[in-house]
Amino acid sequence: MNTAAVVDVHELIAERPLGWLQKLVLVLGFCIIAFEGFDMAVMGFIVPVLKQQWHVSSQMLGPALSGAQIGLIVGAMVAGPLADRFGRKVVLVASVALFGASTLLTATAASLPALVVFRVLTGLGVGSVVPNTATLISEYAPERIRSLSVSFIICAVSFSSACAGFMSAWIIPAYGWRSLLVVGGALPLLLLPVLMMQLPESVSFLIARKARSAKIRPIVERMVPGSTTTQSVFVSSVERAGPAETKLLFSSKYLFGGAMLWLTYFAALLASNTLSNWLPTLIKESGFPFRFAAEITGLYQTGGVIGALVIGWGMDKPGLRKLPALACLAGSALFVGIGLVFHSSALMMCLAFALGFFLIGAICSVNALPTIFYPTRARATGSCWMHGAGRCGALLSVFMGAQMLEMHWSADQVFTVLALPALVAAIALFAKDVRRA
């Protein structure tokens, strides 16, 4: 047993392979984000059915989609400072409880106003899930695989969205649209007791907040058995202890880089969410069957899962931090390509998979950047506020997609427009790296 009085938690994590506790955090983080992704994706597949059953237009259903995004923005902006002050775990547990219960309530909606209210509540819960989970994962992962670890859990969004696409193709025709929401609400609520009992608080956060050693020791001992004694004092060689400091985000050291991260996420989610929310409707209204619309969306999300892992793995290698920017650039070109081959179902499926690989892969990997860019005492806030900016783009995507469909734009026009924000995201990431250099 190591009897040293001082335990450097950063070195402890950096020098050892992943232990069972770190693997558990990864698995739980993946589950949290998978269930969040499923709950957010289902509306894109429910909208075409609601238009027929409730006899409403795309514009009338816009608030139901935008309601979740408004909740997401508020949830992200509020939850970040809360997580930097009270801890990652307590905010995550509360968020999972809220979005699970709200999704179940959405299944009971009998009118558009009720649907909007329940989706706003769902968004409030979901708003902090991705950035806080990414923050927690980054604080348990060694630097050599930090980007890969964050990308792994973030790609759960694409995995669950793909599942939602494939499941909706047979669940909605067989059991109705409400059944998809029941599944989406029940899963996170079943996970809740496991999170409460097994998910640890971030050790880096506890050290930064000068928590008592008696509170830190059980977690470190679970992570590396035999590494502590009752006299151990816990430190981190790369972090300065102190209170949560939101003002750091606006200091000269972090302002420009943070602004570029905000712009990147805003533009990338504007492009990606427009596609995710309205692609099934666009394909169906172009004369393809609903099953094909669900399947091609599933392929887009499946490509994102693979792309997230590949790009995340590459980001941990020296000299490859520009991969997300290059992927956004490729995504912009693929948007144009899909518009040109929209008449061919086979080519469209291939390019949709490739677009998911590059665009969603880039979005997933970008989630690792604020966890590297910001210090512990402002990390959750920086990550959440980047997500808040991104959700503004997602909110705009709801209205932009509805407006393009109401104006009866052709597929090539829609995809050409979506290429522009993907290009902006690439430019912003390049600018961040140039300024840092």
Protein backbone atom coordinates (compact mmCIF):
# COMPACT_ATOMS: atom_id res chain seq x y z
CA MET A 1 0.00 0.00 0.00
CA ASN A 2 1.20 3.47 -0.84
CA THR A 3 1.69 5.35 2.44
CA ALA A 4 2.60 8.70 0.89
CA ALA A 5 0.71 11.56 2.52
CA VAL A 6 0.08 13.46 -0.73
CA VAL A 7 -1.81 11.85 -3.62
CA ASP A 8 -1.71 13.71 -6.95
CA VAL A 9 -4.98 12.62 -8.54
CA HIS A 10 -4.00 13.96 -11.98
CA GLU A 11 -0.86 11.79 -12.04
CA LEU A 12 -2.82 8.86 -10.61
CA ILE A 13 -5.24 9.02 -13.54
CA ALA A 14 -2.53 9.77 -16.15
CA GLU A 15 -0.14 6.97 -15.22
CA ARG A 16 -2.56 4.04 -15.01
CA PRO A 17 -4.81 2.25 -17.47
CA LEU A 18 -8.54 2.76 -17.06
CA GLY A 19 -9.79 1.14 -13.87
CA TRP A 20 -13.21 -0.38 -13.35
CA LEU A 21 -14.64 2.82 -11.84
CA GLN A 22 -13.55 4.90 -14.84
CA LYS A 23 -15.06 2.30 -17.16
CA LEU A 24 -18.27 2.43 -15.13
CA VAL A 25 -18.37 6.23 -15.51
CA LEU A 26 -17.93 5.80 -19.27
CA VAL A 27 -20.76 3.26 -19.50
CA LEU A 28 -23.13 5.32 -17.37
CA GLY A 29 -22.24 8.46 -19.32
CA PHE A 30 -22.96 6.65 -22.58
CA CYS A 31 -26.36 5.50 -21.26
CA ILE A 32 -27.31 8.99 -20.04
CA ILE A 33 -26.53 10.59 -23.38
CA ALA A 34 -28.08 7.74 -25.37
CA PHE A 35 -31.40 8.16 -23.58
CA GLU A 36 -31.18 11.95 -23.98
CA GLY A 37 -30.48 11.57 -27.70
CA PHE A 38 -33.39 9.18 -28.16
CA ASP A 39 -35.82 11.55 -26.43
CA MET A 40 -34.71 14.48 -28.56
CA ALA A 41 -34.71 12.56 -31.85
CA VAL A 42 -38.19 11.03 -31.66
CA MET A 43 -40.00 14.27 -32.54
CA GLY A 44 -38.43 14.29 -35.99
CA PHE A 45 -40.16 10.97 -36.72
CA ILE A 46 -43.41 11.89 -34.97
CA VAL A 47 -43.92 15.15 -36.90
CA PRO A 48 -45.01 13.53 -40.21
CA VAL A 49 -47.57 11.41 -38.33
CA LEU A 50 -48.89 14.35 -36.30
CA LYS A 51 -49.36 16.37 -39.48
CA GLN A 52 -51.73 13.69 -40.75
CA GLN A 53 -53.52 12.83 -37.49
CA TRP A 54 -53.92 16.36 -36.12
CA HIS A 55 -54.29 18.05 -39.55
CA VAL A 56 -51.63 20.68 -38.86
CA SER A 57 -48.88 22.23 -40.99
CA SER A 58 -45.12 22.11 -40.50
CA GLN A 59 -45.17 25.70 -39.28
CA MET A 60 -47.84 24.90 -36.68
CA LEU A 61 -45.68 22.07 -35.37
CA GLY A 62 -42.61 24.32 -35.25
CA PRO A 63 -43.26 25.42 -31.63
CA ALA A 64 -43.38 21.79 -30.51
CA LEU A 65 -39.85 21.33 -31.83
CA SER A 66 -38.63 24.77 -30.80
CA GLY A 67 -40.05 24.35 -27.30
CA ALA A 68 -37.49 21.68 -26.53
CA GLN A 69 -34.71 23.88 -27.91
CA ILE A 70 -35.78 26.84 -25.76
CA GLY A 71 -35.68 24.57 -22.73
CA LEU A 72 -32.27 23.31 -23.82
CA ILE A 73 -30.84 26.82 -24.03
CA VAL A 74 -32.13 27.80 -20.58
CA GLY A 75 -31.11 24.47 -19.07
CA ALA A 76 -27.57 24.68 -20.46
CA MET A 77 -26.97 28.29 -19.42
CA VAL A 78 -28.25 27.72 -15.87
CA ALA A 79 -26.87 24.24 -15.21
CA GLY A 80 -23.25 25.05 -16.07
CA PRO A 81 -22.63 27.44 -13.16
CA LEU A 82 -24.66 25.14 -10.89
CA ALA A 83 -22.44 22.18 -11.80
CA ASP A 84 -19.28 24.23 -11.17
CA ARG A 85 -20.65 25.20 -7.76
CA PHE A 86 -22.54 22.15 -6.48
CA GLY A 87 -21.03 19.32 -8.51
CA ARG A 88 -21.50 17.40 -11.74
CA LYS A 89 -23.38 14.45 -10.23
CA VAL A 90 -26.22 16.28 -8.50
CA VAL A 91 -26.99 18.31 -11.63
CA LEU A 92 -26.89 15.20 -13.85
CA VAL A 93 -29.20 13.18 -11.61
CA ALA A 94 -31.74 16.02 -11.44
CA SER A 95 -31.55 16.50 -15.21
CA VAL A 96 -32.13 12.82 -15.99
CA ALA A 97 -35.15 12.73 -13.65
CA LEU A 98 -36.64 15.82 -15.31
CA PHE A 99 -36.25 14.82 -18.94
CA GLY A 100 -37.40 11.25 -18.30
CA ALA A 101 -40.60 12.32 -16.54
CA SER A 102 -41.29 15.06 -19.10
CA THR A 103 -40.94 12.65 -22.03
CA LEU A 104 -43.52 10.35 -20.43
CA LEU A 105 -45.83 13.32 -20.01
CA THR A 106 -45.35 14.19 -23.69
CA ALA A 107 -46.89 10.83 -24.56
CA THR A 108 -50.13 12.01 -22.91
CA ALA A 109 -50.38 15.26 -24.90
CA ALA A 110 -53.75 15.71 -26.58
CA SER A 111 -53.19 19.19 -28.04
CA LEU A 112 -50.44 21.36 -29.48
CA PRO A 113 -50.17 23.62 -26.39
CA ALA A 114 -49.73 20.61 -24.11
CA LEU A 115 -47.14 19.17 -26.48
CA VAL A 116 -45.19 22.44 -26.44
CA VAL A 117 -45.20 22.69 -22.62
CA PHE A 118 -44.00 19.13 -22.15
CA ARG A 119 -41.24 19.57 -24.72
CA VAL A 120 -40.02 22.74 -22.99
CA LEU A 121 -39.77 20.78 -19.73
CA THR A 122 -37.93 17.99 -21.54
CA GLY A 123 -35.49 20.53 -22.94
CA LEU A 124 -34.82 21.99 -19.49
CA GLY A 125 -33.72 18.57 -18.30
CA VAL A 126 -31.75 17.72 -21.41
CA GLY A 127 -29.91 21.07 -21.55
CA SER A 128 -27.18 20.15 -19.10
CA VAL A 129 -26.87 16.45 -19.88
CA VAL A 130 -24.35 16.40 -22.73
CA PRO A 131 -21.94 19.13 -21.51
CA ASN A 132 -21.97 17.98 -17.87
CA THR A 133 -21.52 14.34 -18.81
CA ALA A 134 -18.66 15.29 -21.15
CA THR A 135 -17.08 17.32 -18.33
CA LEU A 136 -17.35 14.44 -15.87
CA ILE A 137 -15.90 11.96 -18.37
CA SER A 138 -12.99 14.27 -19.21
CA GLU A 139 -12.12 14.56 -15.52
CA TYR A 140 -11.88 10.78 -15.15
CA ALA A 141 -10.11 10.04 -18.44
CA PRO A 142 -6.32 10.26 -18.82
CA GLU A 143 -5.15 12.89 -21.29
CA ARG A 144 -3.92 10.28 -23.77
CA ILE A 145 -7.52 9.16 -24.48
CA ARG A 146 -9.54 12.17 -23.29
CA SER A 147 -10.88 13.22 -26.68
CA LEU A 148 -11.69 9.63 -27.61
CA SER A 149 -13.50 9.09 -24.29
CA VAL A 150 -15.61 12.23 -24.70
CA SER A 151 -16.34 11.42 -28.36
CA PHE A 152 -17.32 7.88 -27.36
CA ILE A 153 -20.02 9.00 -24.96
CA ILE A 154 -21.19 11.86 -27.20
CA CYS A 155 -21.65 9.50 -30.14
CA ALA A 156 -24.35 7.88 -28.02
CA VAL A 157 -26.57 10.70 -29.36
CA SER A 158 -26.10 9.41 -32.90
CA PHE A 159 -26.43 5.79 -31.77
CA SER A 160 -29.74 6.45 -30.03
CA SER A 161 -30.96 8.70 -32.84
CA ALA A 162 -30.24 5.88 -35.29
CA CYS A 163 -32.14 3.50 -32.99
CA ALA A 164 -35.03 5.97 -32.89
CA GLY A 165 -35.04 6.05 -36.69
CA PHE A 166 -35.06 2.30 -37.14
CA MET A 167 -37.51 1.73 -34.26
CA SER A 168 -39.94 4.36 -35.49
CA ALA A 169 -40.13 2.59 -38.86
CA TRP A 170 -41.99 -0.32 -37.21
CA ILE A 171 -43.17 0.92 -33.78
CA ILE A 172 -45.18 3.93 -35.04
CA PRO A 173 -47.13 1.99 -37.71
CA ALA A 174 -47.80 -0.85 -35.25
CA TYR A 175 -48.41 0.92 -31.93
CA GLY A 176 -48.71 4.64 -32.68
CA TRP A 177 -46.46 7.64 -32.03
CA ARG A 178 -47.12 7.76 -28.28
CA SER A 179 -45.46 4.38 -27.77
CA LEU A 180 -42.11 5.80 -28.91
CA LEU A 181 -42.32 8.48 -26.20
CA VAL A 182 -43.21 5.93 -23.53
CA VAL A 183 -40.03 4.02 -24.34
CA GLY A 184 -38.02 7.25 -24.33
CA GLY A 185 -39.34 8.31 -20.94
CA ALA A 186 -39.15 4.98 -19.15
CA LEU A 187 -35.50 4.23 -19.94
CA PRO A 188 -33.89 7.24 -18.16
CA LEU A 189 -36.16 6.80 -15.13
CA LEU A 190 -35.03 3.17 -14.83
CA LEU A 191 -31.41 4.36 -14.96
CA LEU A 192 -31.95 6.94 -12.22
CA PRO A 193 -31.39 4.71 -9.13
CA VAL A 194 -28.20 3.31 -10.66
CA LEU A 195 -26.85 6.83 -11.12
CA MET A 196 -27.72 7.82 -7.57
CA MET A 197 -25.93 4.80 -6.09
CA GLN A 198 -23.00 4.22 -8.45
CA LEU A 199 -22.04 7.42 -10.30
CA PRO A 200 -19.16 9.17 -8.47
CA GLU A 201 -18.64 12.90 -8.21
CA SER A 202 -15.68 14.35 -10.11
CA VAL A 203 -12.53 14.09 -8.00
CA SER A 204 -11.01 17.06 -9.83
CA PHE A 205 -14.06 19.12 -8.95
CA LEU A 206 -13.85 18.12 -5.27
CA ILE A 207 -10.17 19.06 -5.13
CA ALA A 208 -10.78 22.36 -6.90
CA ARG A 209 -13.52 23.16 -4.38
CA LYS A 210 -11.23 22.17 -1.45
CA ALA A 211 -13.51 19.36 -0.28
CA ARG A 212 -12.53 17.37 2.80
CA SER A 213 -10.14 14.46 2.22
CA ALA A 214 -12.68 12.18 3.89
CA LYS A 215 -15.06 12.91 1.00
CA ILE A 216 -12.44 12.40 -1.71
CA ARG A 217 -10.71 9.30 -0.34
CA PRO A 218 -13.55 6.74 -0.94
CA ILE A 219 -13.79 7.76 -4.61
CA VAL A 220 -10.03 7.58 -5.19
CA GLU A 221 -9.90 4.23 -3.41
CA ARG A 222 -12.67 2.91 -5.67
CA MET A 223 -10.72 4.14 -8.68
CA VAL A 224 -7.30 2.80 -7.59
CA PRO A 225 -7.59 0.40 -4.65
CA GLY A 226 -4.71 0.68 -2.18
CA SER A 227 -3.58 4.10 -3.37
CA THR A 228 -4.66 6.02 -0.25
CA THR A 229 -4.38 5.95 3.51
CA THR A 230 -6.48 7.63 6.18
CA GLN A 231 -3.81 10.38 6.30
CA SER A 232 -3.77 11.04 2.53
CA VAL A 233 -4.06 14.60 1.26
CA PHE A 234 -5.36 14.98 -2.29
CA VAL A 235 -4.07 17.49 -4.84
CA SER A 236 -3.99 17.98 -8.60
CA SER A 237 -0.76 19.08 -10.23
CA VAL A 238 -2.55 20.81 -13.12
CA GLU A 239 -5.36 22.61 -11.31
CA ARG A 240 -5.48 25.54 -8.92
CA ALA A 241 -7.99 25.11 -6.12
CA GLY A 242 -10.58 27.83 -5.71
CA PRO A 243 -14.23 28.79 -6.13
CA ALA A 244 -16.16 28.49 -9.36
CA GLU A 245 -15.15 31.41 -11.61
CA THR A 246 -17.58 32.11 -14.43
CA LYS A 247 -15.73 35.37 -15.15
CA LEU A 248 -12.77 33.34 -16.47
CA LEU A 249 -14.75 32.73 -19.64
CA PHE A 250 -14.57 36.44 -20.44
CA SER A 251 -10.88 36.94 -19.68
CA SER A 252 -8.46 37.71 -22.51
CA LYS A 253 -7.03 34.19 -22.28
CA TYR A 254 -10.33 32.45 -23.01
CA LEU A 255 -12.64 34.97 -24.70
CA PHE A 256 -11.66 34.58 -28.38
CA GLY A 257 -11.23 30.80 -28.28
CA GLY A 258 -14.49 30.44 -26.38
CA ALA A 259 -16.32 32.65 -28.87
CA MET A 260 -15.06 30.49 -31.74
CA LEU A 261 -16.28 27.36 -29.94
CA TRP A 262 -19.68 29.01 -29.50
CA LEU A 263 -19.82 29.95 -33.20
CA THR A 264 -18.71 26.46 -34.23
CA TYR A 265 -21.38 24.74 -32.19
CA PHE A 266 -24.07 27.24 -33.23
CA ALA A 267 -23.37 26.73 -36.94
CA ALA A 268 -22.85 22.96 -36.76
CA LEU A 269 -26.09 22.34 -34.85
CA LEU A 270 -27.97 24.71 -37.16
CA ALA A 271 -27.01 22.47 -40.08
CA SER A 272 -27.28 19.11 -38.33
CA ASN A 273 -30.53 19.72 -36.47
CA THR A 274 -32.27 21.12 -39.53
CA LEU A 275 -31.42 17.85 -41.22
CA SER A 276 -32.37 15.66 -38.25
CA ASN A 277 -35.70 17.42 -37.59
CA TRP A 278 -36.91 17.84 -41.15
CA LEU A 279 -35.17 15.17 -43.27
CA PRO A 280 -37.93 12.56 -42.70
CA THR A 281 -40.58 15.10 -43.69
CA LEU A 282 -38.56 16.36 -46.69
CA ILE A 283 -38.00 12.83 -48.00
CA LYS A 284 -41.62 11.79 -47.46
CA GLU A 285 -42.96 14.90 -49.20
CA SER A 286 -40.56 14.24 -52.09
CA GLY A 287 -42.47 11.02 -52.83
CA PHE A 288 -40.41 8.44 -50.95
CA PRO A 289 -42.16 6.08 -48.47
CA PHE A 290 -42.00 6.80 -44.72
CA ARG A 291 -39.92 3.68 -44.09
CA PHE A 292 -37.19 4.96 -46.43
CA ALA A 293 -37.26 8.36 -44.71
CA ALA A 294 -36.68 6.69 -41.33
CA GLU A 295 -33.99 4.38 -42.68
CA ILE A 296 -31.92 7.10 -44.39
CA THR A 297 -32.05 9.19 -41.22
CA GLY A 298 -30.85 6.15 -39.31
CA LEU A 299 -27.95 5.76 -41.75
CA TYR A 300 -27.02 9.42 -41.25
CA GLN A 301 -26.90 8.89 -37.49
CA THR A 302 -25.02 5.59 -37.82
CA GLY A 303 -22.33 7.33 -39.86
CA GLY A 304 -22.08 9.82 -37.00
CA VAL A 305 -21.34 7.07 -34.46
CA ILE A 306 -18.43 5.77 -36.52
CA GLY A 307 -17.19 9.25 -37.37
CA ALA A 308 -17.21 10.34 -33.72
CA LEU A 309 -15.01 7.43 -32.69
CA VAL A 310 -12.58 7.85 -35.59
CA ILE A 311 -12.23 11.63 -35.24
CA GLY A 312 -12.08 11.42 -31.42
CA TRP A 313 -9.32 8.81 -31.65
CA GLY A 314 -7.40 11.00 -34.10
CA MET A 315 -7.68 14.11 -31.90
CA ASP A 316 -5.65 12.41 -29.18
CA LYS A 317 -2.75 11.99 -31.62
CA PRO A 318 -0.09 14.72 -31.96
CA GLY A 319 -0.79 17.14 -34.77
CA LEU A 320 -4.33 15.99 -35.52
CA ARG A 321 -6.36 18.50 -33.48
CA LYS A 322 -7.61 20.09 -36.73
CA LEU A 323 -9.63 16.99 -37.64
CA PRO A 324 -12.99 18.47 -36.51
CA ALA A 325 -12.42 21.53 -38.72
CA LEU A 326 -11.55 19.36 -41.72
CA ALA A 327 -14.59 17.17 -41.03
CA CYS A 328 -16.90 20.22 -41.02
CA LEU A 329 -15.38 21.25 -44.35
CA ALA A 330 -16.08 17.79 -45.78
CA GLY A 331 -19.62 17.96 -44.39
CA SER A 332 -20.24 21.23 -46.21
CA ALA A 333 -19.22 19.64 -49.53
CA LEU A 334 -21.40 16.57 -48.86
CA PHE A 335 -24.49 18.71 -48.27
CA VAL A 336 -24.11 20.04 -51.81
CA GLY A 337 -23.54 16.52 -53.09
CA ILE A 338 -26.72 15.11 -51.54
CA GLY A 339 -28.77 17.86 -53.15
CA LEU A 340 -27.37 16.90 -56.56
CA VAL A 341 -28.17 13.16 -56.20
CA PHE A 342 -31.55 13.46 -54.45
CA HIS A 343 -33.21 11.60 -57.31
CA SER A 344 -31.18 8.45 -56.56
CA SER A 345 -32.09 6.59 -53.38
CA ALA A 346 -28.90 4.49 -53.46
CA LEU A 347 -26.54 7.45 -53.85
CA MET A 348 -28.49 9.45 -51.30
CA MET A 349 -28.08 6.67 -48.71
CA CYS A 350 -24.32 6.51 -49.32
CA LEU A 351 -23.83 10.26 -49.06
CA ALA A 352 -26.11 10.49 -46.01
CA PHE A 353 -23.90 7.97 -44.23
CA ALA A 354 -20.78 9.93 -45.24
CA LEU A 355 -22.35 13.22 -44.13
CA GLY A 356 -23.11 11.72 -40.73
CA PHE A 357 -19.54 10.44 -40.47
CA PHE A 358 -18.03 13.87 -41.02
CA LEU A 359 -20.61 16.34 -39.67
CA ILE A 360 -21.91 14.46 -36.64
CA GLY A 361 -18.44 13.08 -36.03
CA ALA A 362 -17.12 16.65 -35.89
CA ILE A 363 -19.93 17.78 -33.58
CA CYS A 364 -19.24 14.91 -31.19
CA SER A 365 -15.51 15.55 -31.13
CA VAL A 366 -15.95 19.30 -30.61
CA ASN A 367 -17.46 18.43 -27.22
CA ALA A 368 -13.97 17.46 -26.08
CA LEU A 369 -12.53 20.90 -26.85
CA PRO A 370 -14.02 22.92 -23.94
CA THR A 371 -12.98 20.18 -21.49
CA ILE A 372 -9.40 20.73 -22.70
CA PHE A 373 -9.65 24.49 -23.14
CA TYR A 374 -11.11 25.53 -19.75
CA PRO A 375 -9.81 24.86 -16.19
CA THR A 376 -11.82 22.72 -13.74
CA ARG A 377 -13.38 25.61 -11.85
CA ALA A 378 -14.99 26.98 -15.04
CA ARG A 379 -15.12 23.82 -17.18
CA ALA A 380 -18.78 22.88 -16.74
CA THR A 381 -19.86 26.48 -17.34
CA GLY A 382 -17.70 26.78 -20.45
CA SER A 383 -18.98 23.49 -21.84
CA CYS A 384 -22.62 24.23 -21.00
CA TRP A 385 -22.50 27.73 -22.44
CA MET A 386 -21.00 26.39 -25.66
CA HIS A 387 -23.97 24.06 -25.76
CA GLY A 388 -26.32 26.95 -25.03
CA ALA A 389 -24.94 28.77 -28.08
CA GLY A 390 -25.29 25.59 -30.11
CA ARG A 391 -28.88 25.17 -29.02
CA CYS A 392 -29.61 28.66 -30.32
CA GLY A 393 -28.59 27.27 -33.71
CA ALA A 394 -30.77 24.22 -33.12
CA LEU A 395 -33.69 26.51 -32.24
CA LEU A 396 -33.19 28.49 -35.44
CA SER A 397 -33.09 25.20 -37.36
CA VAL A 398 -36.69 24.44 -36.37
CA PHE A 399 -38.03 27.60 -37.97
CA MET A 400 -35.62 27.57 -40.89
CA GLY A 401 -36.57 24.00 -41.82
CA ALA A 402 -40.29 24.69 -41.48
CA GLN A 403 -40.01 27.84 -43.60
CA MET A 404 -38.09 26.09 -46.38
CA LEU A 405 -40.69 23.31 -46.51
CA GLU A 406 -43.60 25.77 -46.48
CA MET A 407 -41.97 27.63 -49.38
CA HIS A 408 -41.71 24.30 -51.26
CA TRP A 409 -38.00 24.55 -51.78
CA SER A 410 -36.44 21.77 -53.82
CA ALA A 411 -34.09 19.31 -52.15
CA ASP A 412 -31.00 20.74 -53.83
CA GLN A 413 -31.90 24.24 -52.60
CA VAL A 414 -32.35 23.01 -49.02
CA PHE A 415 -29.06 21.11 -48.95
CA THR A 416 -27.11 23.95 -50.57
CA VAL A 417 -28.31 26.32 -47.84
CA LEU A 418 -27.31 23.82 -45.15
CA ALA A 419 -23.79 23.66 -46.59
CA LEU A 420 -23.19 27.27 -45.50
CA PRO A 421 -23.34 26.85 -41.69
CA ALA A 422 -21.15 23.74 -41.93
CA LEU A 423 -18.58 25.89 -43.75
CA VAL A 424 -18.84 28.59 -41.06
CA ALA A 425 -18.17 25.96 -38.37
CA ALA A 426 -15.02 24.87 -40.18
CA ILE A 427 -13.77 28.46 -40.50
CA ALA A 428 -14.40 29.17 -36.80
CA LEU A 429 -12.39 26.11 -35.73
CA PHE A 430 -9.50 27.04 -38.01
CA ALA A 431 -9.59 30.60 -36.61
CA LYS A 432 -9.46 29.30 -33.02
CA ASP A 433 -6.39 27.20 -33.80
CA VAL A 434 -4.63 30.02 -35.68
CA ARG A 435 -5.19 32.52 -32.85
CA ARG A 436 -3.98 29.96 -30.27
CA ALA A 437 -0.85 29.28 -32.31
